[in-house]
Amino acid sequence: MKKTKIKSKTNKKNSRISELPSIKVEAAKFSKRIEKKIDSQKHGSKIERNLPPLVSLDDTSVVKKKPPFTTSMKKRSNSVATINVSGLYQLDKRQRFEIYKRRLKTKPAAKNTDEAVQLINNTLVEIEEQYAPKKDSKFCTINSKKYGRMHPIPEDRIKFNLDTGITEMLAVGIIIYVYGNGSFEIWTVSRGNFIPKKILTKSGA
């Protein structure tokens, strides 16, 4: 019995020894597979790095699709937004004032002080009739300071300065200097640390 047990043990050892070459072959194959995967990953990363650069949004060669109309209420004062046809959006005072300045530049020049005052007031009425919301509009009821109507400068706010010989038109936040030849300048009023700034100049005829 002892001899048979010894023979079985030796047979098992011999079988394990005979299996070693096959295990080495499989291990070599497995290592090659891993190396191939690593190489493929490296190659793939190289391909991604060699991709063409992203096109800048500022590139004029790229055709940009423009929206049919603008509906954003976050417009700056120097860019006038368009009115939505459905009436959901209206121009506020700042946007209408930008249109007012552009319209003044296109108007014929005045010849004297009286014509300049009429030009300033009549153009404002013209803009407000065209773009200002109505009094019963929900925009006026919610925020009248922002969407309310701008009115022409009344006579009691138009004064002739004897020291300078210039007619001064006083409005909310601005002052207009009208000269005898029909030219005028629109300035912002200084408040606290804010320095007056010229925002429009129009020469006379």
Protein backbone atom coordinates (compact mmCIF):
# COMPACT_ATOMS: atom_id res chain seq x y z
CA MET A 1 0.00 0.00 0.00
CA LYS A 2 2.86 2.32 0.84
CA LYS A 3 4.45 1.73 -2.56
CA THR A 4 1.20 2.56 -4.36
CA LYS A 5 0.84 5.81 -2.36
CA ILE A 6 4.40 6.83 -3.19
CA LYS A 7 3.81 6.06 -6.87
CA SER A 8 0.60 8.15 -6.93
CA LYS A 9 2.43 11.11 -5.34
CA THR A 10 5.26 10.87 -7.83
CA ASN A 11 2.74 10.68 -10.69
CA LYS A 12 1.02 13.85 -9.46
CA LYS A 13 4.35 15.67 -9.23
CA ASN A 14 5.27 14.55 -12.71
CA SER A 15 1.88 15.69 -14.07
CA ARG A 16 2.31 19.11 -12.47
CA ILE A 17 5.79 19.42 -13.88
CA SER A 18 4.50 18.47 -17.30
CA GLU A 19 1.78 21.19 -17.03
CA LEU A 20 4.33 23.95 -16.32
CA PRO A 21 5.21 24.65 -19.97
CA SER A 22 1.52 25.10 -20.91
CA ILE A 23 0.98 27.47 -17.97
CA LYS A 24 3.99 29.49 -19.04
CA VAL A 25 2.60 29.71 -22.58
CA GLU A 26 -0.79 30.92 -21.33
CA ALA A 27 0.88 33.46 -19.06
CA ALA A 28 2.93 34.73 -21.99
CA LYS A 29 -0.22 35.01 -24.12
CA PHE A 30 -2.02 36.89 -21.33
CA SER A 31 0.87 39.32 -20.94
CA LYS A 32 0.87 39.94 -24.71
CA ARG A 33 -2.85 40.70 -24.60
CA ILE A 34 -2.32 43.23 -21.84
CA GLU A 35 0.54 44.84 -23.79
CA LYS A 36 -1.68 45.09 -26.85
CA LYS A 37 -4.44 46.79 -24.83
CA ILE A 38 -1.95 49.26 -23.39
CA ASP A 39 -0.56 50.01 -26.86
CA SER A 40 -4.07 50.47 -28.26
CA GLN A 41 -4.95 52.89 -25.46
CA LYS A 42 -1.78 54.87 -26.08
CA HIS A 43 -2.48 54.93 -29.79
CA GLY A 44 -6.04 56.08 -29.16
CA SER A 45 -4.87 58.93 -26.93
CA LYS A 46 -2.45 60.01 -29.66
CA ILE A 47 -5.31 60.10 -32.15
CA GLU A 48 -7.38 62.25 -29.79
CA ARG A 49 -4.47 64.63 -29.36
CA ASN A 50 -4.03 64.91 -33.10
CA LEU A 51 -7.65 65.97 -33.61
CA PRO A 52 -8.12 69.36 -35.31
CA PRO A 53 -8.52 72.34 -32.93
CA LEU A 54 -11.95 73.56 -31.99
CA VAL A 55 -13.29 76.36 -34.16
CA SER A 56 -13.62 79.67 -32.34
CA LEU A 57 -17.06 81.24 -32.11
CA ASP A 58 -15.53 84.51 -33.29
CA ASP A 59 -14.32 82.95 -36.55
CA THR A 60 -16.00 84.81 -39.39
CA SER A 61 -15.59 81.85 -41.74
CA VAL A 62 -18.14 79.88 -39.74
CA VAL A 63 -21.72 80.58 -40.71
CA LYS A 64 -23.68 81.50 -37.60
CA LYS A 65 -27.39 80.93 -37.38
CA LYS A 66 -29.16 84.04 -36.12
CA PRO A 67 -32.41 83.81 -34.13
CA PRO A 68 -35.55 85.15 -35.84
CA PHE A 69 -35.94 87.90 -33.23
CA THR A 70 -34.57 88.94 -29.87
CA THR A 71 -36.67 88.41 -26.76
CA SER A 72 -34.10 88.92 -24.00
CA MET A 73 -34.82 91.69 -21.52
CA LYS A 74 -31.14 91.79 -20.43
CA LYS A 75 -30.16 94.21 -23.20
CA ARG A 76 -27.58 96.88 -22.59
CA SER A 77 -28.42 100.51 -23.14
CA ASN A 78 -26.26 100.75 -26.29
CA SER A 79 -28.08 97.89 -28.04
CA VAL A 80 -31.76 98.44 -28.71
CA ALA A 81 -33.91 95.34 -28.44
CA THR A 82 -36.77 94.67 -30.81
CA ILE A 83 -40.36 94.51 -29.65
CA ASN A 84 -41.92 91.08 -29.62
CA VAL A 85 -44.95 90.88 -31.91
CA SER A 86 -46.97 89.14 -29.20
CA GLY A 87 -46.62 92.20 -26.94
CA LEU A 88 -44.92 90.30 -24.13
CA TYR A 89 -41.87 92.57 -24.24
CA GLN A 90 -41.67 96.35 -24.31
CA LEU A 91 -38.82 98.81 -24.54
CA ASP A 92 -37.88 100.48 -21.28
CA LYS A 93 -36.88 104.13 -20.91
CA ARG A 94 -33.18 103.48 -21.39
CA GLN A 95 -33.74 101.63 -24.66
CA ARG A 96 -36.16 104.26 -25.94
CA PHE A 97 -33.69 107.00 -25.05
CA GLU A 98 -31.09 105.28 -27.24
CA ILE A 99 -33.55 105.37 -30.15
CA TYR A 100 -34.24 109.01 -29.33
CA LYS A 101 -30.55 109.93 -29.63
CA ARG A 102 -30.22 108.11 -32.95
CA ARG A 103 -33.33 109.79 -34.28
CA LEU A 104 -32.02 113.25 -33.31
CA LYS A 105 -28.85 112.64 -35.31
CA THR A 106 -30.86 111.88 -38.45
CA LYS A 107 -33.14 114.92 -38.14
CA PRO A 108 -32.40 118.12 -40.10
CA ALA A 109 -30.31 120.64 -38.17
CA ALA A 110 -32.00 123.61 -36.50
CA LYS A 111 -31.19 127.20 -37.45
CA ASN A 112 -31.75 128.89 -34.08
CA THR A 113 -32.57 128.23 -30.42
CA ASP A 114 -36.35 127.99 -30.87
CA GLU A 115 -36.06 125.43 -33.68
CA ALA A 116 -33.60 123.40 -31.63
CA VAL A 117 -35.98 123.32 -28.62
CA GLN A 118 -38.85 122.23 -30.86
CA LEU A 119 -36.66 119.56 -32.47
CA ILE A 120 -35.67 118.15 -29.07
CA ASN A 121 -39.23 118.00 -27.70
CA ASN A 122 -41.03 116.94 -30.88
CA THR A 123 -38.59 114.08 -31.51
CA LEU A 124 -39.14 112.80 -27.98
CA VAL A 125 -42.92 112.84 -28.44
CA GLU A 126 -42.49 111.02 -31.74
CA ILE A 127 -40.42 108.24 -30.13
CA GLU A 128 -42.78 107.83 -27.18
CA GLU A 129 -45.83 107.61 -29.43
CA GLN A 130 -44.13 104.86 -31.40
CA TYR A 131 -42.40 102.78 -28.72
CA ALA A 132 -43.69 103.64 -25.22
CA PRO A 133 -46.22 101.25 -23.64
CA LYS A 134 -49.72 102.52 -22.96
CA LYS A 135 -50.74 103.76 -19.52
CA ASP A 136 -52.96 100.73 -18.91
CA SER A 137 -50.14 98.35 -19.89
CA LYS A 138 -49.06 95.81 -17.27
CA PHE A 139 -45.48 97.01 -17.68
CA CYS A 140 -46.38 100.49 -16.45
CA THR A 141 -48.37 99.16 -13.52
CA ILE A 142 -45.58 96.81 -12.42
CA ASN A 143 -42.66 99.24 -12.88
CA SER A 144 -43.62 102.74 -13.98
CA LYS A 145 -40.11 104.12 -13.33
CA LYS A 146 -38.61 101.73 -15.84
CA TYR A 147 -41.36 101.59 -18.49
CA GLY A 148 -43.23 104.85 -17.87
CA ARG A 149 -43.61 107.53 -20.51
CA MET A 150 -41.00 110.24 -21.03
CA HIS A 151 -42.43 113.72 -21.48
CA PRO A 152 -41.05 116.75 -23.34
CA ILE A 153 -39.30 119.44 -21.31
CA PRO A 154 -41.85 122.11 -20.23
CA GLU A 155 -41.25 125.84 -20.59
CA ASP A 156 -40.63 126.39 -16.88
CA ARG A 157 -37.65 123.99 -17.14
CA ILE A 158 -36.13 125.90 -20.06
CA LYS A 159 -34.02 128.82 -18.89
CA PHE A 160 -31.72 131.28 -20.58
CA ASN A 161 -28.41 131.77 -18.77
CA LEU A 162 -27.49 135.46 -18.88
CA ASP A 163 -23.88 134.80 -17.89
CA THR A 164 -23.13 132.30 -20.68
CA GLY A 165 -25.81 133.25 -23.23
CA ILE A 166 -26.82 129.60 -23.52
CA THR A 167 -30.32 128.18 -23.15
CA GLU A 168 -30.45 125.32 -20.63
CA MET A 169 -33.12 122.59 -20.76
CA LEU A 170 -33.34 120.71 -17.47
CA ALA A 171 -34.65 117.13 -17.46
CA VAL A 172 -34.40 114.14 -15.11
CA GLY A 173 -30.74 113.14 -15.00
CA ILE A 174 -29.71 115.23 -18.02
CA ILE A 175 -29.20 118.84 -19.04
CA ILE A 176 -29.32 120.13 -22.63
CA TYR A 177 -27.31 123.20 -23.66
CA VAL A 178 -28.83 124.94 -26.69
CA TYR A 179 -26.78 127.53 -28.57
CA GLY A 180 -27.96 130.45 -30.66
CA ASN A 181 -26.99 128.84 -33.99
CA GLY A 182 -29.30 125.84 -33.38
CA SER A 183 -26.62 123.43 -32.15
CA PHE A 184 -27.05 121.68 -28.82
CA GLU A 185 -25.35 119.25 -26.45
CA ILE A 186 -26.87 116.69 -24.09
CA TRP A 187 -24.98 116.08 -20.84
CA THR A 188 -25.58 113.87 -17.84
CA VAL A 189 -26.08 115.67 -14.52
CA SER A 190 -23.35 115.26 -11.91
CA ARG A 191 -24.52 113.34 -8.86
CA GLY A 192 -22.20 112.61 -5.96
CA ASN A 193 -18.98 111.15 -7.35
CA PHE A 194 -20.35 110.89 -10.90
CA ILE A 195 -18.71 113.30 -13.34
CA PRO A 196 -20.93 114.92 -16.03
CA LYS A 197 -20.58 113.25 -19.41
CA LYS A 198 -21.47 114.46 -22.88
CA ILE A 199 -23.76 111.90 -24.55
CA LEU A 200 -24.85 113.73 -27.71
CA THR A 201 -23.75 116.67 -29.85
CA LYS A 202 -25.66 118.04 -32.83
CA SER A 203 -24.48 120.97 -34.88
CA GLY A 204 -26.75 123.73 -36.15
CA ALA A 205 -27.64 124.59 -39.71
